[in-house]
Every structure is written in C-alpha cells, then in structure tokens.
C-alpha cells in the first residue's frame, strides 16, 4: 500500500512506522503517516486492522479513541465483521477485502481535509 500511495500521488511523503502517538496513559504506533510536501503541510495517520482477536480489537480501539485523532484513516478488513460501534470517533473508515485500496485511502484523506461529512466516518 505504501508503494501504491506514493505512486498515485507524489505530493505525499509516505512514512512507514512513524513515531508513536500519545493515547491516554499509553502510546499507539500507526502503520503509516502521509505528510503533504509543501505548504500547507498536513499529516495523516493510517492504521490497518486485518487479522485480530476480540481482545486485541477491544484494546486497540480503546487506545485509538483515547488518542482523539482528527487525522486518522482506519482501514478495516471486511472479513472481520467489525461494525461501526467502538470505532474511533472522527476517523475515516476504509473497509477492504484482502488488500487496502490506496485510492480509497487518498479519498478518505481528501474528506478529512475538506471537513465534509465522510461517507464512512465512525458513528458516535
């Protein structure tokens, strides 16, 4: 996905394993960060959740909600049957099957930048 993102839109620097983000009393480690080159510099975090156990989901979502990020694209594997309840508020949700669509991630970022009501934003 990182390669696809860099190829699709060269205005973004794709950073694998970016620095940790404070989430309450703990840290979270996003999978990717996308940083726009040139002004205005914008930074978005991408978290991919593929395989999981129920316990992992519970702890992961709790940490993401605690971080209160307004620049998060949360990619969720459709096969895992994850509903909107418990998803991080304010995150753009991109559902995928087998592979994350880089175009869908860029579209989610565009929605976050535009401040428009996203089609798949997590429900309150």
N, C-alpha and C. Protein backbone atom coordinates (compact mmCIF):
# COMPACT_ATOMS: atom_id res chain seq x y z
N UNK A 1 0.82 -1.19 0.00
CA UNK A 1 0.00 0.00 0.00
C UNK A 1 0.86 1.26 0.00
N UNK A 2 1.96 1.27 0.75
CA UNK A 2 2.82 2.45 0.80
C UNK A 2 3.34 2.79 -0.60
N UNK A 3 3.74 1.78 -1.34
CA UNK A 3 4.22 1.99 -2.70
C UNK A 3 3.12 2.55 -3.59
N UNK A 4 1.90 1.99 -3.46
CA UNK A 4 0.76 2.45 -4.25
C UNK A 4 0.44 3.90 -3.94
N UNK A 5 0.46 4.28 -2.67
CA UNK A 5 0.16 5.65 -2.28
C UNK A 5 1.17 6.62 -2.87
N UNK A 6 2.45 6.28 -2.77
CA UNK A 6 3.50 7.15 -3.30
C UNK A 6 3.39 7.28 -4.81
N UNK A 7 3.02 6.22 -5.48
CA UNK A 7 2.89 6.23 -6.94
C UNK A 7 1.67 7.03 -7.39
N UNK A 8 0.55 6.88 -6.69
CA UNK A 8 -0.69 7.55 -7.07
C UNK A 8 -0.63 9.06 -6.92
N UNK A 9 0.00 9.53 -5.87
CA UNK A 9 0.01 10.97 -5.61
C UNK A 9 1.36 11.39 -5.03
N UNK A 10 2.26 11.88 -5.88
CA UNK A 10 3.61 12.22 -5.43
C UNK A 10 3.69 13.43 -4.50
N UNK A 11 2.56 14.10 -4.23
CA UNK A 11 2.61 15.24 -3.30
C UNK A 11 2.71 14.78 -1.85
N UNK A 12 2.60 13.44 -1.63
CA UNK A 12 2.64 12.90 -0.28
C UNK A 12 3.93 12.12 -0.05
N UNK A 13 4.55 12.37 1.09
CA UNK A 13 5.64 11.50 1.57
C UNK A 13 4.98 10.42 2.42
N UNK A 14 5.31 9.17 2.14
CA UNK A 14 4.75 8.05 2.89
C UNK A 14 5.81 7.56 3.86
N UNK A 15 5.48 7.60 5.13
CA UNK A 15 6.43 7.22 6.18
C UNK A 15 5.94 5.94 6.83
N UNK A 16 6.74 4.89 6.69
CA UNK A 16 6.41 3.62 7.34
C UNK A 16 6.86 3.66 8.79
N UNK A 17 6.04 3.12 9.65
CA UNK A 17 6.33 3.07 11.09
C UNK A 17 6.71 4.45 11.63
N UNK A 18 5.79 5.41 11.56
CA UNK A 18 6.08 6.76 12.08
C UNK A 18 6.18 6.74 13.61
N UNK A 19 6.53 7.90 14.17
CA UNK A 19 6.69 7.98 15.61
C UNK A 19 5.37 7.70 16.32
N UNK A 20 5.49 7.31 17.55
CA UNK A 20 4.33 6.96 18.38
C UNK A 20 3.47 8.19 18.65
N UNK A 21 2.20 7.92 18.96
CA UNK A 21 1.24 8.97 19.29
C UNK A 21 0.70 8.69 20.69
N UNK A 22 0.62 9.74 21.51
CA UNK A 22 0.10 9.60 22.87
C UNK A 22 -1.38 9.25 22.82
N UNK A 23 -1.76 8.23 23.59
CA UNK A 23 -3.16 7.80 23.67
C UNK A 23 -3.48 7.54 25.14
N UNK A 24 -3.87 8.60 25.83
CA UNK A 24 -4.09 8.46 27.27
C UNK A 24 -2.78 8.20 27.96
N UNK A 25 -2.73 7.14 28.75
CA UNK A 25 -1.52 6.80 29.50
C UNK A 25 -0.58 5.89 28.72
N UNK A 26 -0.89 5.62 27.47
CA UNK A 26 -0.07 4.71 26.67
C UNK A 26 0.24 5.34 25.31
N UNK A 27 0.90 4.58 24.46
CA UNK A 27 1.25 5.04 23.12
C UNK A 27 0.64 4.11 22.09
N UNK A 28 0.34 4.67 20.91
CA UNK A 28 -0.05 3.85 19.78
C UNK A 28 0.98 4.07 18.67
N UNK A 29 1.12 3.08 17.82
CA UNK A 29 2.11 3.11 16.76
C UNK A 29 1.40 2.91 15.42
N UNK A 30 1.04 4.00 14.73
CA UNK A 30 0.34 3.87 13.45
C UNK A 30 1.20 3.12 12.43
N UNK A 31 0.52 2.51 11.45
CA UNK A 31 1.23 1.78 10.41
C UNK A 31 1.95 2.72 9.44
N UNK A 32 1.27 3.81 9.08
CA UNK A 32 1.83 4.77 8.12
C UNK A 32 1.48 6.19 8.53
N UNK A 33 2.29 7.12 8.06
CA UNK A 33 1.94 8.54 8.11
C UNK A 33 2.10 9.07 6.69
N UNK A 34 1.18 9.90 6.27
CA UNK A 34 1.29 10.58 4.99
C UNK A 34 1.45 12.06 5.28
N UNK A 35 2.52 12.65 4.77
CA UNK A 35 2.82 14.06 5.00
C UNK A 35 2.86 14.75 3.65
N UNK A 36 2.02 15.79 3.53
CA UNK A 36 1.98 16.54 2.27
C UNK A 36 3.25 17.37 2.12
N UNK A 37 3.83 17.29 0.94
CA UNK A 37 5.00 18.11 0.64
C UNK A 37 4.55 19.54 0.36
N UNK A 38 5.30 20.47 0.88
CA UNK A 38 5.00 21.88 0.62
C UNK A 38 3.84 22.39 1.45
N UNK A 39 3.66 23.70 1.39
CA UNK A 39 2.60 24.30 2.21
C UNK A 39 1.22 24.04 1.61
N UNK A 40 0.20 23.94 2.41
CA UNK A 40 0.33 23.78 3.86
C UNK A 40 0.67 22.34 4.18
N UNK A 41 1.62 22.15 5.05
CA UNK A 41 2.00 20.78 5.40
C UNK A 41 0.87 20.16 6.22
N UNK A 42 0.44 19.01 5.81
CA UNK A 42 -0.60 18.26 6.52
C UNK A 42 -0.08 16.87 6.77
N UNK A 43 -0.53 16.27 7.85
CA UNK A 43 -0.08 14.94 8.24
C UNK A 43 -1.30 14.09 8.60
N UNK A 44 -1.35 12.89 8.02
CA UNK A 44 -2.44 11.96 8.29
C UNK A 44 -1.85 10.63 8.68
N UNK A 45 -2.51 9.94 9.58
CA UNK A 45 -2.07 8.64 10.05
C UNK A 45 -2.97 7.57 9.46
N UNK A 46 -2.38 6.43 9.14
CA UNK A 46 -3.12 5.30 8.59
C UNK A 46 -2.87 4.09 9.49
N UNK A 47 -3.96 3.51 9.94
CA UNK A 47 -3.90 2.30 10.76
C UNK A 47 -4.66 1.21 10.03
N UNK A 48 -4.02 0.06 9.85
CA UNK A 48 -4.66 -1.07 9.16
C UNK A 48 -4.91 -2.17 10.18
N UNK A 49 -6.17 -2.60 10.23
CA UNK A 49 -6.53 -3.67 11.15
C UNK A 49 -7.05 -4.83 10.33
N UNK A 50 -6.21 -5.82 10.16
CA UNK A 50 -6.57 -7.01 9.40
C UNK A 50 -7.00 -8.11 10.33
N UNK A 51 -6.14 -9.06 10.58
CA UNK A 51 -6.45 -10.18 11.48
C UNK A 51 -6.48 -9.68 12.92
N UNK A 52 -7.40 -10.21 13.71
CA UNK A 52 -7.44 -9.84 15.12
C UNK A 52 -8.19 -10.86 15.95
N UNK A 53 -8.01 -10.74 17.23
CA UNK A 53 -8.83 -11.48 18.20
C UNK A 53 -9.76 -10.45 18.85
N UNK A 54 -10.85 -10.88 19.48
CA UNK A 54 -11.74 -9.91 20.13
C UNK A 54 -11.02 -9.06 21.19
N UNK A 55 -10.11 -9.66 21.93
CA UNK A 55 -9.37 -8.91 22.96
C UNK A 55 -8.49 -7.84 22.32
N UNK A 56 -7.84 -8.20 21.22
CA UNK A 56 -6.98 -7.25 20.52
C UNK A 56 -7.81 -6.06 20.04
N UNK A 57 -8.97 -6.35 19.44
CA UNK A 57 -9.84 -5.29 18.94
C UNK A 57 -10.24 -4.35 20.08
N UNK A 58 -10.66 -4.92 21.18
CA UNK A 58 -11.09 -4.11 22.32
C UNK A 58 -9.99 -3.15 22.77
N UNK A 59 -8.78 -3.66 22.95
CA UNK A 59 -7.67 -2.83 23.43
C UNK A 59 -7.22 -1.83 22.37
N UNK A 60 -7.15 -2.25 21.13
CA UNK A 60 -6.72 -1.36 20.05
C UNK A 60 -7.68 -0.19 19.88
N UNK A 61 -8.96 -0.47 19.84
CA UNK A 61 -9.96 0.59 19.66
C UNK A 61 -9.98 1.54 20.86
N UNK A 62 -9.81 1.00 22.04
CA UNK A 62 -9.76 1.86 23.24
C UNK A 62 -8.59 2.83 23.15
N UNK A 63 -7.45 2.35 22.73
CA UNK A 63 -6.27 3.23 22.60
C UNK A 63 -6.49 4.29 21.52
N UNK A 64 -7.07 3.89 20.38
CA UNK A 64 -7.32 4.85 19.31
C UNK A 64 -8.33 5.91 19.73
N UNK A 65 -9.37 5.51 20.45
CA UNK A 65 -10.34 6.50 20.93
C UNK A 65 -9.69 7.45 21.92
N UNK A 66 -8.81 6.92 22.78
CA UNK A 66 -8.12 7.76 23.77
C UNK A 66 -7.22 8.79 23.11
N UNK A 67 -6.70 8.48 21.95
CA UNK A 67 -5.80 9.40 21.25
C UNK A 67 -6.55 10.60 20.66
N UNK A 68 -7.84 10.47 20.42
CA UNK A 68 -8.68 11.56 19.89
C UNK A 68 -8.06 12.20 18.65
N UNK A 69 -7.72 11.38 17.69
CA UNK A 69 -7.08 11.87 16.47
C UNK A 69 -8.12 12.39 15.48
N UNK A 70 -7.82 13.51 14.85
CA UNK A 70 -8.70 14.03 13.81
C UNK A 70 -8.06 13.87 12.43
N UNK A 71 -6.98 13.09 12.38
CA UNK A 71 -6.25 12.90 11.13
C UNK A 71 -6.00 11.42 10.86
N UNK A 72 -6.94 10.58 11.27
CA UNK A 72 -6.75 9.13 11.18
C UNK A 72 -7.61 8.51 10.10
N UNK A 73 -6.97 7.68 9.27
CA UNK A 73 -7.68 6.82 8.34
C UNK A 73 -7.52 5.40 8.89
N UNK A 74 -8.65 4.79 9.20
CA UNK A 74 -8.67 3.49 9.86
C UNK A 74 -9.16 2.46 8.85
N UNK A 75 -8.29 1.56 8.44
CA UNK A 75 -8.60 0.55 7.42
C UNK A 75 -8.96 -0.76 8.12
N UNK A 76 -10.16 -1.27 7.81
CA UNK A 76 -10.69 -2.44 8.50
C UNK A 76 -11.00 -3.53 7.48
N UNK A 77 -10.52 -4.72 7.74
CA UNK A 77 -10.78 -5.88 6.89
C UNK A 77 -12.25 -6.25 6.99
N UNK A 78 -12.97 -6.24 5.85
CA UNK A 78 -14.40 -6.56 5.83
C UNK A 78 -14.69 -7.96 6.36
N UNK A 79 -13.77 -8.87 6.15
CA UNK A 79 -13.98 -10.26 6.57
C UNK A 79 -14.06 -10.41 8.08
N UNK A 80 -13.63 -9.41 8.81
CA UNK A 80 -13.62 -9.49 10.27
C UNK A 80 -14.95 -9.10 10.89
N UNK A 81 -15.91 -8.67 10.07
CA UNK A 81 -17.26 -8.36 10.55
C UNK A 81 -17.28 -7.32 11.66
N UNK A 82 -16.50 -6.29 11.54
CA UNK A 82 -16.44 -5.24 12.55
C UNK A 82 -17.49 -4.17 12.21
N UNK A 83 -18.43 -3.94 13.13
CA UNK A 83 -19.42 -2.90 12.92
C UNK A 83 -18.84 -1.55 13.28
N UNK A 84 -19.65 -0.51 13.19
CA UNK A 84 -19.19 0.84 13.49
C UNK A 84 -19.08 1.13 14.98
N UNK A 85 -19.76 0.34 15.81
CA UNK A 85 -19.70 0.61 17.24
C UNK A 85 -18.28 0.38 17.75
N UNK A 86 -17.82 1.35 18.51
CA UNK A 86 -16.50 1.25 19.10
C UNK A 86 -15.38 1.77 18.23
N UNK A 87 -15.67 2.10 16.96
CA UNK A 87 -14.61 2.63 16.11
C UNK A 87 -14.23 4.03 16.60
N UNK A 88 -12.99 4.46 16.34
CA UNK A 88 -12.54 5.76 16.84
C UNK A 88 -13.38 6.90 16.25
N UNK A 89 -13.91 7.76 17.09
CA UNK A 89 -14.69 8.90 16.62
C UNK A 89 -13.81 9.83 15.81
N UNK A 90 -14.33 10.35 14.73
CA UNK A 90 -13.59 11.28 13.90
C UNK A 90 -12.71 10.63 12.87
N UNK A 91 -12.57 9.33 12.92
CA UNK A 91 -11.71 8.64 11.95
C UNK A 91 -12.49 8.38 10.66
N UNK A 92 -11.79 8.41 9.56
CA UNK A 92 -12.34 7.96 8.29
C UNK A 92 -12.12 6.46 8.25
N UNK A 93 -13.16 5.70 7.96
CA UNK A 93 -13.06 4.25 7.92
C UNK A 93 -13.06 3.78 6.47
N UNK A 94 -12.04 3.02 6.12
CA UNK A 94 -11.93 2.41 4.79
C UNK A 94 -11.99 0.90 4.99
N UNK A 95 -13.02 0.29 4.46
CA UNK A 95 -13.13 -1.16 4.56
C UNK A 95 -12.45 -1.78 3.35
N UNK A 96 -11.83 -2.94 3.57
CA UNK A 96 -11.11 -3.58 2.47
C UNK A 96 -11.28 -5.09 2.53
N UNK A 97 -11.03 -5.71 1.38
CA UNK A 97 -11.03 -7.17 1.28
C UNK A 97 -9.68 -7.57 0.70
N UNK A 98 -8.88 -8.24 1.48
CA UNK A 98 -7.56 -8.75 1.10
C UNK A 98 -6.49 -7.68 0.97
N UNK A 99 -6.80 -6.55 0.37
CA UNK A 99 -5.79 -5.52 0.12
C UNK A 99 -6.43 -4.14 0.27
N UNK A 100 -5.73 -3.23 0.93
CA UNK A 100 -6.24 -1.87 1.11
C UNK A 100 -6.07 -1.11 -0.21
N UNK A 101 -7.15 -0.48 -0.65
CA UNK A 101 -7.15 0.31 -1.88
C UNK A 101 -6.55 1.69 -1.58
N UNK A 102 -5.39 1.96 -2.16
CA UNK A 102 -4.71 3.23 -1.92
C UNK A 102 -5.57 4.41 -2.36
N UNK A 103 -6.33 4.25 -3.42
CA UNK A 103 -7.22 5.33 -3.87
C UNK A 103 -8.28 5.64 -2.81
N UNK A 104 -8.79 4.62 -2.16
CA UNK A 104 -9.79 4.83 -1.10
C UNK A 104 -9.16 5.57 0.08
N UNK A 105 -7.90 5.27 0.39
CA UNK A 105 -7.21 5.97 1.47
C UNK A 105 -7.04 7.44 1.11
N UNK A 106 -6.63 7.73 -0.11
CA UNK A 106 -6.47 9.13 -0.54
C UNK A 106 -7.81 9.85 -0.55
N UNK A 107 -8.89 9.17 -0.93
CA UNK A 107 -10.23 9.77 -0.91
C UNK A 107 -10.63 10.09 0.54
N UNK A 108 -10.31 9.19 1.46
CA UNK A 108 -10.62 9.42 2.88
C UNK A 108 -9.85 10.64 3.40
N UNK A 109 -8.60 10.78 2.99
CA UNK A 109 -7.80 11.94 3.39
C UNK A 109 -8.41 13.21 2.83
N UNK A 110 -8.85 13.16 1.58
CA UNK A 110 -9.49 14.33 0.97
C UNK A 110 -10.74 14.73 1.76
N UNK A 111 -11.51 13.76 2.23
CA UNK A 111 -12.70 14.07 3.04
C UNK A 111 -12.29 14.70 4.37
N UNK A 112 -11.24 14.17 4.99
CA UNK A 112 -10.76 14.76 6.24
C UNK A 112 -10.27 16.19 6.03
N UNK A 113 -9.57 16.42 4.94
CA UNK A 113 -9.06 17.77 4.64
C UNK A 113 -10.18 18.75 4.37
N UNK A 114 -11.20 18.26 3.67
CA UNK A 114 -12.30 19.12 3.29
C UNK A 114 -13.26 19.41 4.42
N UNK A 115 -13.17 18.62 5.47
CA UNK A 115 -14.07 18.82 6.60
C UNK A 115 -15.50 18.41 6.30
N UNK A 116 -15.69 17.73 5.15
CA UNK A 116 -17.05 17.32 4.82
C UNK A 116 -17.41 16.07 5.62
N UNK A 117 -18.69 15.82 5.70
CA UNK A 117 -19.15 14.63 6.41
C UNK A 117 -18.77 13.42 5.62
N UNK A 118 -17.86 12.61 6.12
CA UNK A 118 -17.41 11.44 5.38
C UNK A 118 -18.49 10.38 5.25
N UNK A 119 -18.40 9.64 4.19
CA UNK A 119 -19.39 8.60 3.93
C UNK A 119 -19.30 7.50 4.97
N UNK A 120 -18.11 7.20 5.46
CA UNK A 120 -17.95 6.07 6.38
C UNK A 120 -17.28 6.49 7.67
N UNK A 121 -17.53 7.67 8.14
CA UNK A 121 -16.96 8.09 9.42
C UNK A 121 -17.62 7.28 10.52
N UNK A 122 -16.86 6.93 11.49
CA UNK A 122 -17.39 6.12 12.58
C UNK A 122 -18.54 6.83 13.26
N UNK A 123 -19.57 6.09 13.55
CA UNK A 123 -20.75 6.66 14.20
C UNK A 123 -20.45 6.95 15.66
N UNK A 124 -21.05 8.03 16.22
CA UNK A 124 -20.83 8.34 17.65
C UNK A 124 -21.45 7.31 18.55
